[in-house]
Amino acid sequence: MGNIGTMKDNWRCLLIHQLCSSLPEIICRVLPAVHALSGCDTTSSLFGICKKSVYKVLKDAVLDFSDLDNLGDSDRETAISCSRRFVARLYDQKKNYASCHQDINKLRVKLATSRDSSLVRLPPSEAALRQHILRASFQTKIWHASCLSKPPLPSSLEYGWRSFKDSLHPVYFEGNIVSSFSS
């Protein structure tokens, strides 16, 4: 269901099987990872990036990001690399700094020093992005295993979460920095 107006009673029902049949197969395969990376119920959204922008980037260059299909199942460094490229492209949609898409901190510097960019439109730092990608990877892994009655899932503590006072909290940065607002 989705809201189509400013009033609360303007809802419409989207039939997911009809939507999927109208999209290319590769887009359907990467949608879970893209949805988790761009923000869902368990992962935060990327500041200033709306779902419409995410879909536009995906539609325009889906073959560049086809490896996101395996986000929940790939090794950690592969997941981080392909996700980093996708997030970099979201913040640099015109590909002005495409040579920096493998190094998010270099992209941040380029965007921060360009005349046409606001500092609030910078991508997350490498440390914050790594943790975000781990959480998105874990969420994608859960969705990929949703058809199993008892899916074998690793500990969420290995995927950007930490336990604090009997509940899970996202880790925001790596290292010895305070890693959660609840510390």
C-alpha atoms as a PDB file:
ATOM      1  CA  MET A   1       0.000   0.000   0.000  1.00  0.00           C
ATOM      2  CA  GLY A   2       1.173   3.520  -0.574  1.00  0.00           C
ATOM      3  CA  ASN A   3      -0.068   6.984   0.230  1.00  0.00           C
ATOM      4  CA  ILE A   4      -1.002   8.912  -2.934  1.00  0.00           C
ATOM      5  CA  GLY A   5      -2.154  12.178  -1.424  1.00  0.00           C
ATOM      6  CA  THR A   6      -1.871  14.459   1.521  1.00  0.00           C
ATOM      7  CA  MET A   7      -4.944  12.997   3.179  1.00  0.00           C
ATOM      8  CA  LYS A   8      -4.598   9.816   5.224  1.00  0.00           C
ATOM      9  CA  ASP A   9      -7.411   8.000   3.428  1.00  0.00           C
ATOM     10  CA  ASN A  10      -5.821   8.279  -0.054  1.00  0.00           C
ATOM     11  CA  TRP A  11      -4.307   4.794  -0.195  1.00  0.00           C
ATOM     12  CA  ARG A  12      -3.750   2.544  -3.142  1.00  0.00           C
ATOM     13  CA  CYS A  13      -2.883  -1.107  -3.323  1.00  0.00           C
ATOM     14  CA  LEU A  14       0.051  -2.171  -5.502  1.00  0.00           C
ATOM     15  CA  LEU A  15       0.024  -5.803  -6.561  1.00  0.00           C
ATOM     16  CA  ILE A  16       3.627  -6.871  -6.195  1.00  0.00           C
ATOM     17  CA  HIS A  17       3.406  -9.717  -8.713  1.00  0.00           C
ATOM     18  CA  GLN A  18       2.175  -7.273 -11.381  1.00  0.00           C
ATOM     19  CA  LEU A  19       4.924  -4.820 -10.510  1.00  0.00           C
ATOM     20  CA  CYS A  20       7.607  -7.507 -10.700  1.00  0.00           C
ATOM     21  CA  SER A  21       6.364  -8.798 -14.041  1.00  0.00           C
ATOM     22  CA  SER A  22       6.749  -5.298 -15.486  1.00  0.00           C
ATOM     23  CA  LEU A  23      10.394  -4.923 -14.370  1.00  0.00           C
ATOM     24  CA  PRO A  24      13.512  -6.511 -15.853  1.00  0.00           C
ATOM     25  CA  GLU A  25      14.586  -9.632 -13.958  1.00  0.00           C
ATOM     26  CA  ILE A  26      17.924  -8.135 -12.886  1.00  0.00           C
ATOM     27  CA  ILE A  27      16.166  -5.210 -11.190  1.00  0.00           C
ATOM     28  CA  CYS A  28      13.886  -7.630  -9.330  1.00  0.00           C
ATOM     29  CA  ARG A  29      16.922  -9.592  -8.153  1.00  0.00           C
ATOM     30  CA  VAL A  30      18.800  -6.560  -6.770  1.00  0.00           C
ATOM     31  CA  LEU A  31      15.765  -4.780  -5.267  1.00  0.00           C
ATOM     32  CA  PRO A  32      16.058  -6.384  -1.809  1.00  0.00           C
ATOM     33  CA  ALA A  33      19.676  -5.237  -1.450  1.00  0.00           C
ATOM     34  CA  VAL A  34      18.949  -1.807  -2.893  1.00  0.00           C
ATOM     35  CA  HIS A  35      15.962  -1.394  -0.577  1.00  0.00           C
ATOM     36  CA  ALA A  36      18.056  -2.363   2.475  1.00  0.00           C
ATOM     37  CA  LEU A  37      20.920  -0.051   1.427  1.00  0.00           C
ATOM     38  CA  SER A  38      18.663   2.922   0.766  1.00  0.00           C
ATOM     39  CA  GLY A  39      16.667   2.508   3.961  1.00  0.00           C
ATOM     40  CA  CYS A  40      14.006   0.152   5.238  1.00  0.00           C
ATOM     41  CA  ASP A  41      12.468  -0.692   8.607  1.00  0.00           C
ATOM     42  CA  THR A  42      15.771  -2.050   9.961  1.00  0.00           C
ATOM     43  CA  THR A  43      18.333   0.153   8.212  1.00  0.00           C
ATOM     44  CA  SER A  44      18.500   3.911   8.174  1.00  0.00           C
ATOM     45  CA  SER A  45      18.040   5.865   4.986  1.00  0.00           C
ATOM     46  CA  LEU A  46      20.850   7.789   3.334  1.00  0.00           C
ATOM     47  CA  PHE A  47      20.471  11.490   4.072  1.00  0.00           C
ATOM     48  CA  GLY A  48      19.035  13.405   1.138  1.00  0.00           C
ATOM     49  CA  ILE A  49      18.514  10.335  -1.053  1.00  0.00           C
ATOM     50  CA  CYS A  50      14.887   9.475  -1.843  1.00  0.00           C
ATOM     51  CA  LYS A  51      13.639   6.167  -3.234  1.00  0.00           C
ATOM     52  CA  LYS A  52      12.856   7.833  -6.551  1.00  0.00           C
ATOM     53  CA  SER A  53      16.539   8.792  -6.951  1.00  0.00           C
ATOM     54  CA  VAL A  54      17.579   5.286  -5.940  1.00  0.00           C
ATOM     55  CA  TYR A  55      15.346   3.728  -8.581  1.00  0.00           C
ATOM     56  CA  LYS A  56      16.557   6.169 -11.246  1.00  0.00           C
ATOM     57  CA  VAL A  57      20.196   5.244 -10.608  1.00  0.00           C
ATOM     58  CA  LEU A  58      19.333   1.561 -10.542  1.00  0.00           C
ATOM     59  CA  LYS A  59      17.307   1.741 -13.752  1.00  0.00           C
ATOM     60  CA  ASP A  60      19.984   3.748 -15.576  1.00  0.00           C
ATOM     61  CA  ALA A  61      22.878   1.461 -14.604  1.00  0.00           C
ATOM     62  CA  VAL A  62      21.480  -1.819 -13.327  1.00  0.00           C
ATOM     63  CA  LEU A  63      24.256  -3.873 -14.963  1.00  0.00           C
ATOM     64  CA  ASP A  64      26.870  -1.853 -13.056  1.00  0.00           C
ATOM     65  CA  PHE A  65      25.253  -2.989  -9.819  1.00  0.00           C
ATOM     66  CA  SER A  66      24.145  -6.520 -10.690  1.00  0.00           C
ATOM     67  CA  ASP A  67      26.541  -7.885  -8.044  1.00  0.00           C
ATOM     68  CA  LEU A  68      24.193  -6.438  -5.400  1.00  0.00           C
ATOM     69  CA  ASP A  69      22.056  -9.502  -6.131  1.00  0.00           C
ATOM     70  CA  ASN A  70      24.398 -11.429  -3.828  1.00  0.00           C
ATOM     71  CA  LEU A  71      24.694  -8.803  -1.081  1.00  0.00           C
ATOM     72  CA  GLY A  72      23.450 -11.045   1.712  1.00  0.00           C
ATOM     73  CA  ASP A  73      25.399 -14.064   0.491  1.00  0.00           C
ATOM     74  CA  SER A  74      28.708 -12.618  -0.720  1.00  0.00           C
ATOM     75  CA  ASP A  75      31.852 -12.259   1.334  1.00  0.00           C
ATOM     76  CA  ARG A  76      32.144  -9.102   3.402  1.00  0.00           C
ATOM     77  CA  GLU A  77      34.653  -7.218   1.247  1.00  0.00           C
ATOM     78  CA  THR A  78      32.743  -7.935  -1.983  1.00  0.00           C
ATOM     79  CA  ALA A  79      29.541  -6.715  -0.328  1.00  0.00           C
ATOM     80  CA  ILE A  80      31.238  -3.542   0.879  1.00  0.00           C
ATOM     81  CA  SER A  81      32.862  -2.857  -2.498  1.00  0.00           C
ATOM     82  CA  CYS A  82      29.716  -3.218  -4.629  1.00  0.00           C
ATOM     83  CA  SER A  83      27.580  -1.341  -2.087  1.00  0.00           C
ATOM     84  CA  ARG A  84      30.139   1.480  -1.853  1.00  0.00           C
ATOM     85  CA  ARG A  85      29.993   1.942  -5.637  1.00  0.00           C
ATOM     86  CA  PHE A  86      26.203   2.089  -5.517  1.00  0.00           C
ATOM     87  CA  VAL A  87      26.088   4.619  -2.667  1.00  0.00           C
ATOM     88  CA  ALA A  88      28.780   6.726  -4.355  1.00  0.00           C
ATOM     89  CA  ARG A  89      26.695   6.782  -7.519  1.00  0.00           C
ATOM     90  CA  LEU A  90      23.646   7.913  -5.540  1.00  0.00           C
ATOM     91  CA  TYR A  91      25.570  10.956  -4.308  1.00  0.00           C
ATOM     92  CA  ASP A  92      27.319  11.549  -7.654  1.00  0.00           C
ATOM     93  CA  GLN A  93      24.539  10.802 -10.135  1.00  0.00           C
ATOM     94  CA  LYS A  94      26.145  12.784 -12.962  1.00  0.00           C
ATOM     95  CA  LYS A  95      29.344  10.748 -12.519  1.00  0.00           C
ATOM     96  CA  ASN A  96      31.467  13.908 -12.244  1.00  0.00           C
ATOM     97  CA  TYR A  97      33.811  12.067  -9.868  1.00  0.00           C
ATOM     98  CA  ALA A  98      33.423   8.477 -11.081  1.00  0.00           C
ATOM     99  CA  SER A  99      37.125   7.815 -10.477  1.00  0.00           C
ATOM    100  CA  CYS A 100      36.427   8.250  -6.733  1.00  0.00           C
ATOM    101  CA  HIS A 101      33.529   5.791  -6.493  1.00  0.00           C
ATOM    102  CA  GLN A 102      35.739   3.079  -4.929  1.00  0.00           C
ATOM    103  CA  ASP A 103      36.950   5.450  -2.194  1.00  0.00           C
ATOM    104  CA  ILE A 104      34.038   7.129  -0.452  1.00  0.00           C
ATOM    105  CA  ASN A 105      36.285   9.473   1.549  1.00  0.00           C
ATOM    106  CA  LYS A 106      37.890  10.806  -1.659  1.00  0.00           C
ATOM    107  CA  LEU A 107      34.402  11.325  -3.086  1.00  0.00           C
ATOM    108  CA  ARG A 108      33.422  13.227   0.073  1.00  0.00           C
ATOM    109  CA  VAL A 109      36.410  15.551  -0.404  1.00  0.00           C
ATOM    110  CA  LYS A 110      35.619  16.108  -4.096  1.00  0.00           C
ATOM    111  CA  LEU A 111      31.969  16.834  -3.353  1.00  0.00           C
ATOM    112  CA  ALA A 112      32.815  19.072  -0.394  1.00  0.00           C
ATOM    113  CA  THR A 113      35.171  21.202  -2.486  1.00  0.00           C
ATOM    114  CA  SER A 114      32.933  21.452  -5.546  1.00  0.00           C
ATOM    115  CA  ARG A 115      30.985  24.656  -6.028  1.00  0.00           C
ATOM    116  CA  ASP A 116      27.654  23.004  -6.773  1.00  0.00           C
ATOM    117  CA  SER A 117      27.458  20.799  -3.677  1.00  0.00           C
ATOM    118  CA  SER A 118      26.130  21.522  -0.237  1.00  0.00           C
ATOM    119  CA  LEU A 119      27.967  20.015   2.721  1.00  0.00           C
ATOM    120  CA  VAL A 120      24.734  18.414   3.912  1.00  0.00           C
ATOM    121  CA  ARG A 121      24.635  16.395   0.668  1.00  0.00           C
ATOM    122  CA  LEU A 122      27.832  14.483   1.417  1.00  0.00           C
ATOM    123  CA  PRO A 123      27.785  10.681   1.581  1.00  0.00           C
ATOM    124  CA  PRO A 124      28.496   9.010   4.916  1.00  0.00           C
ATOM    125  CA  SER A 125      32.113   8.538   5.971  1.00  0.00           C
ATOM    126  CA  GLU A 126      33.819   5.240   5.137  1.00  0.00           C
ATOM    127  CA  ALA A 127      33.539   4.045   8.762  1.00  0.00           C
ATOM    128  CA  ALA A 128      29.820   4.838   8.969  1.00  0.00           C
ATOM    129  CA  LEU A 129      29.154   3.421   5.497  1.00  0.00           C
ATOM    130  CA  ARG A 130      30.863   0.107   6.328  1.00  0.00           C
ATOM    131  CA  GLN A 131      28.583  -0.381   9.326  1.00  0.00           C
ATOM    132  CA  HIS A 132      25.531   0.598   7.279  1.00  0.00           C
ATOM    133  CA  ILE A 133      26.477  -1.891   4.556  1.00  0.00           C
ATOM    134  CA  LEU A 134      26.910  -4.647   7.140  1.00  0.00           C
ATOM    135  CA  ARG A 135      23.406  -3.996   8.490  1.00  0.00           C
ATOM    136  CA  ALA A 136      21.961  -3.883   4.956  1.00  0.00           C
ATOM    137  CA  SER A 137      23.772  -7.111   4.129  1.00  0.00           C
ATOM    138  CA  PHE A 138      22.305  -8.796   7.201  1.00  0.00           C
ATOM    139  CA  GLN A 139      18.800  -7.600   6.304  1.00  0.00           C
ATOM    140  CA  THR A 140      19.228  -8.854   2.734  1.00  0.00           C
ATOM    141  CA  LYS A 141      20.424 -12.194   4.093  1.00  0.00           C
ATOM    142  CA  ILE A 142      17.223 -12.435   6.169  1.00  0.00           C
ATOM    143  CA  TRP A 143      15.050 -11.642   3.155  1.00  0.00           C
ATOM    144  CA  HIS A 144      16.873 -14.189   0.981  1.00  0.00           C
ATOM    145  CA  ALA A 145      16.217 -16.857   3.626  1.00  0.00           C
ATOM    146  CA  SER A 146      12.582 -15.878   4.203  1.00  0.00           C
ATOM    147  CA  CYS A 147      11.285 -18.961   2.391  1.00  0.00           C
ATOM    148  CA  LEU A 148      13.028 -21.298   4.867  1.00  0.00           C
ATOM    149  CA  SER A 149      11.212 -22.378   8.029  1.00  0.00           C
ATOM    150  CA  LYS A 150      14.347 -22.180  10.202  1.00  0.00           C
ATOM    151  CA  PRO A 151      16.956 -20.184   8.291  1.00  0.00           C
ATOM    152  CA  PRO A 152      20.564 -20.522   9.434  1.00  0.00           C
ATOM    153  CA  LEU A 153      21.484 -16.903  10.177  1.00  0.00           C
ATOM    154  CA  PRO A 154      24.724 -15.634  11.671  1.00  0.00           C
ATOM    155  CA  SER A 155      24.748 -13.429  14.717  1.00  0.00           C
ATOM    156  CA  SER A 156      23.580  -9.875  14.094  1.00  0.00           C
ATOM    157  CA  LEU A 157      26.560  -8.798  16.223  1.00  0.00           C
ATOM    158  CA  GLU A 158      28.777  -9.618  13.221  1.00  0.00           C
ATOM    159  CA  TYR A 159      26.739  -7.316  10.981  1.00  0.00           C
ATOM    160  CA  GLY A 160      26.816  -3.799  12.391  1.00  0.00           C
ATOM    161  CA  TRP A 161      24.779  -4.356  15.550  1.00  0.00           C
ATOM    162  CA  ARG A 162      25.780  -4.506  19.187  1.00  0.00           C
ATOM    163  CA  SER A 163      24.012  -5.667  22.288  1.00  0.00           C
ATOM    164  CA  PHE A 164      23.334  -3.110  25.011  1.00  0.00           C
ATOM    165  CA  LYS A 165      21.009  -3.635  27.967  1.00  0.00           C
ATOM    166  CA  ASP A 166      19.352  -6.687  26.392  1.00  0.00           C
ATOM    167  CA  SER A 167      18.557  -4.993  23.086  1.00  0.00           C
ATOM    168  CA  LEU A 168      20.294  -4.486  19.764  1.00  0.00           C
ATOM    169  CA  HIS A 169      21.612  -1.090  18.709  1.00  0.00           C
ATOM    170  CA  PRO A 170      23.271  -0.129  15.421  1.00  0.00           C
ATOM    171  CA  VAL A 171      26.996   0.490  15.403  1.00  0.00           C
ATOM    172  CA  TYR A 172      27.608   3.847  13.735  1.00  0.00           C
ATOM    173  CA  PHE A 173      31.399   3.865  13.481  1.00  0.00           C
ATOM    174  CA  GLU A 174      34.212   1.342  13.610  1.00  0.00           C
ATOM    175  CA  GLY A 175      37.076   1.439  16.062  1.00  0.00           C
ATOM    176  CA  ASN A 176      37.265   2.883  19.535  1.00  0.00           C
ATOM    177  CA  ILE A 177      34.853   5.711  18.861  1.00  0.00           C
ATOM    178  CA  VAL A 178      31.590   5.727  20.790  1.00  0.00           C
ATOM    179  CA  SER A 179      29.555   3.563  18.489  1.00  0.00           C
ATOM    180  CA  SER A 180      25.978   4.074  19.531  1.00  0.00           C
ATOM    181  CA  PHE A 181      23.785   6.833  20.885  1.00  0.00           C
ATOM    182  CA  SER A 182      22.785   4.538  23.724  1.00  0.00           C
ATOM    183  CA  SER A 183      26.313   4.225  25.172  1.00  0.00           C
END
